[in-house]
Amino acid sequence: MLPAHKESVRHHPAKFLVGVLLHAGLILALALLLLLALRPALALRVLPWAQPPLLLALACGLYLASRRALSATLRFMSTPDDYLAILASCGLLFATVAAAHSSMPAAALLYAAALLLYLPLGKLRHAAFFFAARLDYGRRLGHRGVYPPPAAGRPEPAGRPEPAGRPEPAGTRPQRETNPPNGAIPADRAEAAR
């Protein structure tokens, strides 16, 4: 679903932007740490240029963590894993920024390795499994009205036929008439039946 179709995004675009900036910063941090592991000299030249977006992402993460801790509604819905995930993400951003100023950038790589060990166990697992789930759903649900996919050798169930001509715009289909719970027929329908 596109972000513009989500009600929460339409009603809270600034909070959505904060989340996007945090996730973009995390992707940048992981890319820089991979570059640090593969080509350390190049990574140490690139890291100073990447600090402004990383610091912005860190500020967004700290804002989201404090918002979660200070809002009674969010605090009620939160689990310890929610706090651990956001603080671990902020730690990754901080470690990446610190790698540019440290004489031991390997500490950032050790932090990233520990975070990768935690990744499939905690709330951060959506980073790994989001893309796999979207690929699976797209493969299985790529055809409208087909879930689960038909088994080999079994015919597909017959669905509702598509209307001839132009499709009706959403929300214009007449509602199905139902009788009131007590079984009485409404007056207008009783008149039409005579």
Protein backbone atom coordinates (compact mmCIF):
# COMPACT_ATOMS: atom_id res chain seq x y z
CA MET A 1 0.00 0.00 0.00
CA LEU A 2 1.37 3.37 -0.95
CA PRO A 3 1.94 5.82 1.92
CA ALA A 4 -0.61 8.28 0.47
CA HIS A 5 -3.31 5.62 0.89
CA LYS A 6 -2.66 5.17 4.60
CA GLU A 7 -4.85 7.21 6.88
CA SER A 8 -2.15 7.60 9.52
CA VAL A 9 0.23 9.12 6.95
CA ARG A 10 -2.39 11.58 5.70
CA HIS A 11 -3.20 12.70 9.25
CA HIS A 12 0.39 12.77 10.56
CA PRO A 13 2.78 13.57 7.68
CA ALA A 14 5.47 15.05 9.94
CA LYS A 15 5.68 11.89 12.08
CA PHE A 16 5.80 9.80 8.91
CA LEU A 17 8.69 11.94 7.63
CA VAL A 18 10.56 11.43 10.91
CA GLY A 19 10.23 7.66 10.47
CA VAL A 20 11.38 7.84 6.86
CA LEU A 21 14.44 9.89 7.85
CA LEU A 22 15.30 7.40 10.59
CA HIS A 23 15.03 4.43 8.23
CA ALA A 24 17.01 6.20 5.48
CA GLY A 25 19.75 6.98 8.01
CA LEU A 26 19.86 3.35 9.13
CA ILE A 27 20.22 2.15 5.54
CA LEU A 28 23.03 4.68 5.01
CA ALA A 29 24.73 3.57 8.23
CA LEU A 30 24.60 -0.09 7.23
CA ALA A 31 25.96 0.75 3.77
CA LEU A 32 28.81 2.76 5.30
CA LEU A 33 29.65 -0.01 7.75
CA LEU A 34 29.71 -2.53 4.92
CA LEU A 35 32.04 -0.19 3.03
CA LEU A 36 34.15 0.10 6.20
CA ALA A 37 34.45 -3.68 6.35
CA LEU A 38 35.31 -4.06 2.66
CA ARG A 39 37.28 -0.90 1.86
CA PRO A 40 38.35 0.83 5.10
CA ALA A 41 40.42 3.60 3.48
CA LEU A 42 37.56 4.65 1.19
CA ALA A 43 35.02 4.44 4.01
CA LEU A 44 37.10 6.70 6.27
CA ARG A 45 37.15 9.31 3.48
CA VAL A 46 33.37 9.05 2.94
CA LEU A 47 32.27 8.96 6.60
CA PRO A 48 32.80 12.69 7.31
CA TRP A 49 30.55 13.60 4.37
CA ALA A 50 27.82 11.25 5.59
CA GLN A 51 27.68 12.68 9.10
CA PRO A 52 24.92 15.31 8.58
CA PRO A 53 22.29 12.79 7.39
CA LEU A 54 23.40 10.30 10.04
CA LEU A 55 23.07 12.92 12.79
CA LEU A 56 19.65 13.93 11.46
CA ALA A 57 18.57 10.28 11.54
CA LEU A 58 19.95 9.95 15.09
CA ALA A 59 17.95 13.01 16.16
CA CYS A 60 14.82 11.48 14.60
CA GLY A 61 15.43 8.21 16.45
CA LEU A 62 15.93 9.96 19.78
CA TYR A 63 12.76 11.99 19.14
CA LEU A 64 10.77 8.80 18.48
CA ALA A 65 12.20 7.13 21.59
CA SER A 66 11.36 10.11 23.80
CA ARG A 67 7.90 10.42 22.24
CA ARG A 68 7.25 6.76 23.01
CA ALA A 69 8.45 7.20 26.60
CA LEU A 70 6.55 10.44 27.26
CA SER A 71 3.20 9.65 25.62
CA ALA A 72 0.86 7.73 27.93
CA THR A 73 -0.90 6.10 24.97
CA LEU A 74 2.33 4.95 23.30
CA ARG A 75 3.80 3.87 26.63
CA PHE A 76 0.73 1.68 27.23
CA MET A 77 1.13 -0.05 23.86
CA SER A 78 4.92 -0.42 24.03
CA THR A 79 6.87 -3.47 25.06
CA PRO A 80 10.49 -3.53 26.25
CA ASP A 81 11.46 -4.80 22.81
CA ASP A 82 10.08 -1.60 21.25
CA TYR A 83 12.44 0.50 23.36
CA LEU A 84 15.34 -1.88 22.77
CA ALA A 85 14.84 -1.78 19.00
CA ILE A 86 14.81 1.99 18.73
CA LEU A 87 17.72 2.46 21.12
CA ALA A 88 19.72 -0.22 19.28
CA SER A 89 19.01 1.61 16.02
CA CYS A 90 20.16 4.88 17.56
CA GLY A 91 23.26 3.07 18.80
CA LEU A 92 24.05 1.94 15.27
CA LEU A 93 23.76 5.52 14.01
CA PHE A 94 25.94 6.79 16.85
CA ALA A 95 28.57 4.08 16.27
CA THR A 96 28.71 4.97 12.57
CA VAL A 97 29.18 8.67 13.33
CA ALA A 98 31.80 7.84 15.97
CA ALA A 99 33.71 5.64 13.52
CA ALA A 100 34.80 8.76 11.60
CA HIS A 101 36.29 10.33 14.75
CA SER A 102 37.68 7.21 16.35
CA SER A 103 41.06 5.64 16.00
CA MET A 104 39.25 2.29 16.29
CA PRO A 105 36.46 2.16 13.69
CA ALA A 106 36.35 -1.60 14.24
CA ALA A 107 34.20 -0.90 17.32
CA ALA A 108 31.40 0.21 14.99
CA LEU A 109 31.75 -3.04 13.06
CA LEU A 110 31.54 -5.06 16.29
CA TYR A 111 28.39 -3.16 17.29
CA ALA A 112 26.86 -3.81 13.86
CA ALA A 113 27.73 -7.52 14.15
CA ALA A 114 26.04 -7.72 17.55
CA LEU A 115 23.02 -5.92 16.15
CA LEU A 116 22.86 -8.38 13.25
CA LEU A 117 22.80 -11.24 15.76
CA TYR A 118 19.84 -9.60 17.54
CA LEU A 119 18.08 -8.73 14.26
CA PRO A 120 16.06 -11.93 13.69
CA LEU A 121 15.12 -12.26 17.36
CA GLY A 122 13.61 -8.87 18.22
CA LYS A 123 11.39 -6.24 16.72
CA LEU A 124 14.12 -5.32 14.24
CA ARG A 125 13.34 -8.53 12.36
CA HIS A 126 11.07 -6.49 10.08
CA ALA A 127 14.28 -5.17 8.50
CA ALA A 128 15.11 -8.66 7.28
CA PHE A 129 11.71 -10.20 6.75
CA PHE A 130 9.82 -7.24 5.28
CA PHE A 131 11.25 -7.74 1.81
CA ALA A 132 10.85 -11.52 1.91
CA ALA A 133 7.22 -11.18 3.00
CA ARG A 134 6.45 -8.62 0.28
CA LEU A 135 8.03 -10.88 -2.34
CA ASP A 136 6.04 -13.86 -1.10
CA TYR A 137 2.74 -11.95 -1.00
CA GLY A 138 3.36 -10.54 -4.45
CA ARG A 139 4.08 -13.99 -5.81
CA ARG A 140 1.04 -15.59 -4.18
CA LEU A 141 -1.42 -12.71 -4.31
CA GLY A 142 -0.40 -11.20 -7.62
CA HIS A 143 -3.73 -12.26 -9.09
CA ARG A 144 -6.85 -10.63 -7.69
CA GLY A 145 -9.17 -12.88 -5.74
CA VAL A 146 -6.71 -15.76 -5.46
CA TYR A 147 -5.70 -16.72 -1.94
CA PRO A 148 -4.34 -19.18 -1.28
CA PRO A 149 -2.99 -20.10 -4.70
CA PRO A 150 -4.75 -23.12 -6.22
CA ALA A 151 -3.03 -26.45 -5.72
CA ALA A 152 -1.62 -28.19 -8.75
CA GLY A 153 -4.32 -30.13 -10.59
CA ARG A 154 -7.19 -28.43 -8.74
CA PRO A 155 -9.31 -26.02 -10.76
CA GLU A 156 -9.57 -22.43 -9.59
CA PRO A 157 -12.88 -21.61 -7.88
CA ALA A 158 -15.32 -19.62 -9.93
CA GLY A 159 -15.51 -16.08 -8.64
CA ARG A 160 -18.01 -13.32 -9.12
CA PRO A 161 -18.09 -12.37 -12.81
CA GLU A 162 -16.71 -8.96 -13.70
CA PRO A 163 -19.38 -6.43 -14.73
CA ALA A 164 -19.64 -5.74 -18.44
CA GLY A 165 -18.57 -2.31 -19.60
CA ARG A 166 -16.95 0.26 -17.37
CA PRO A 167 -16.28 -0.72 -13.76
CA GLU A 168 -18.30 1.22 -11.21
CA PRO A 169 -16.41 3.71 -9.09
CA ALA A 170 -15.80 2.63 -5.51
CA GLY A 171 -18.67 3.30 -3.17
CA THR A 172 -21.39 3.52 -5.86
CA ARG A 173 -22.54 -0.08 -5.78
CA PRO A 174 -26.05 -0.39 -4.33
CA GLN A 175 -26.10 -1.94 -0.89
CA ARG A 176 -27.75 -5.33 -0.45
CA GLU A 177 -31.16 -5.00 1.11
CA THR A 178 -31.66 -6.85 4.36
CA ASN A 179 -34.74 -7.44 6.42
CA PRO A 180 -34.92 -5.97 9.90
CA PRO A 181 -33.96 -8.39 12.70
CA ASN A 182 -37.58 -8.96 13.75
CA GLY A 183 -38.50 -10.19 10.25
CA ALA A 184 -40.83 -7.29 9.46
CA ILE A 185 -40.77 -5.97 5.90
CA PRO A 186 -40.18 -2.23 5.60
CA ALA A 187 -43.20 -0.24 4.43
CA ASP A 188 -41.69 0.82 1.11
CA ARG A 189 -40.89 -2.79 0.19
CA ALA A 190 -44.31 -4.00 1.34
CA GLU A 191 -45.96 -1.41 -0.94
CA ALA A 192 -43.81 -2.46 -3.91
CA ALA A 193 -44.67 -6.14 -3.36
CA ARG A 194 -48.47 -5.52 -3.67
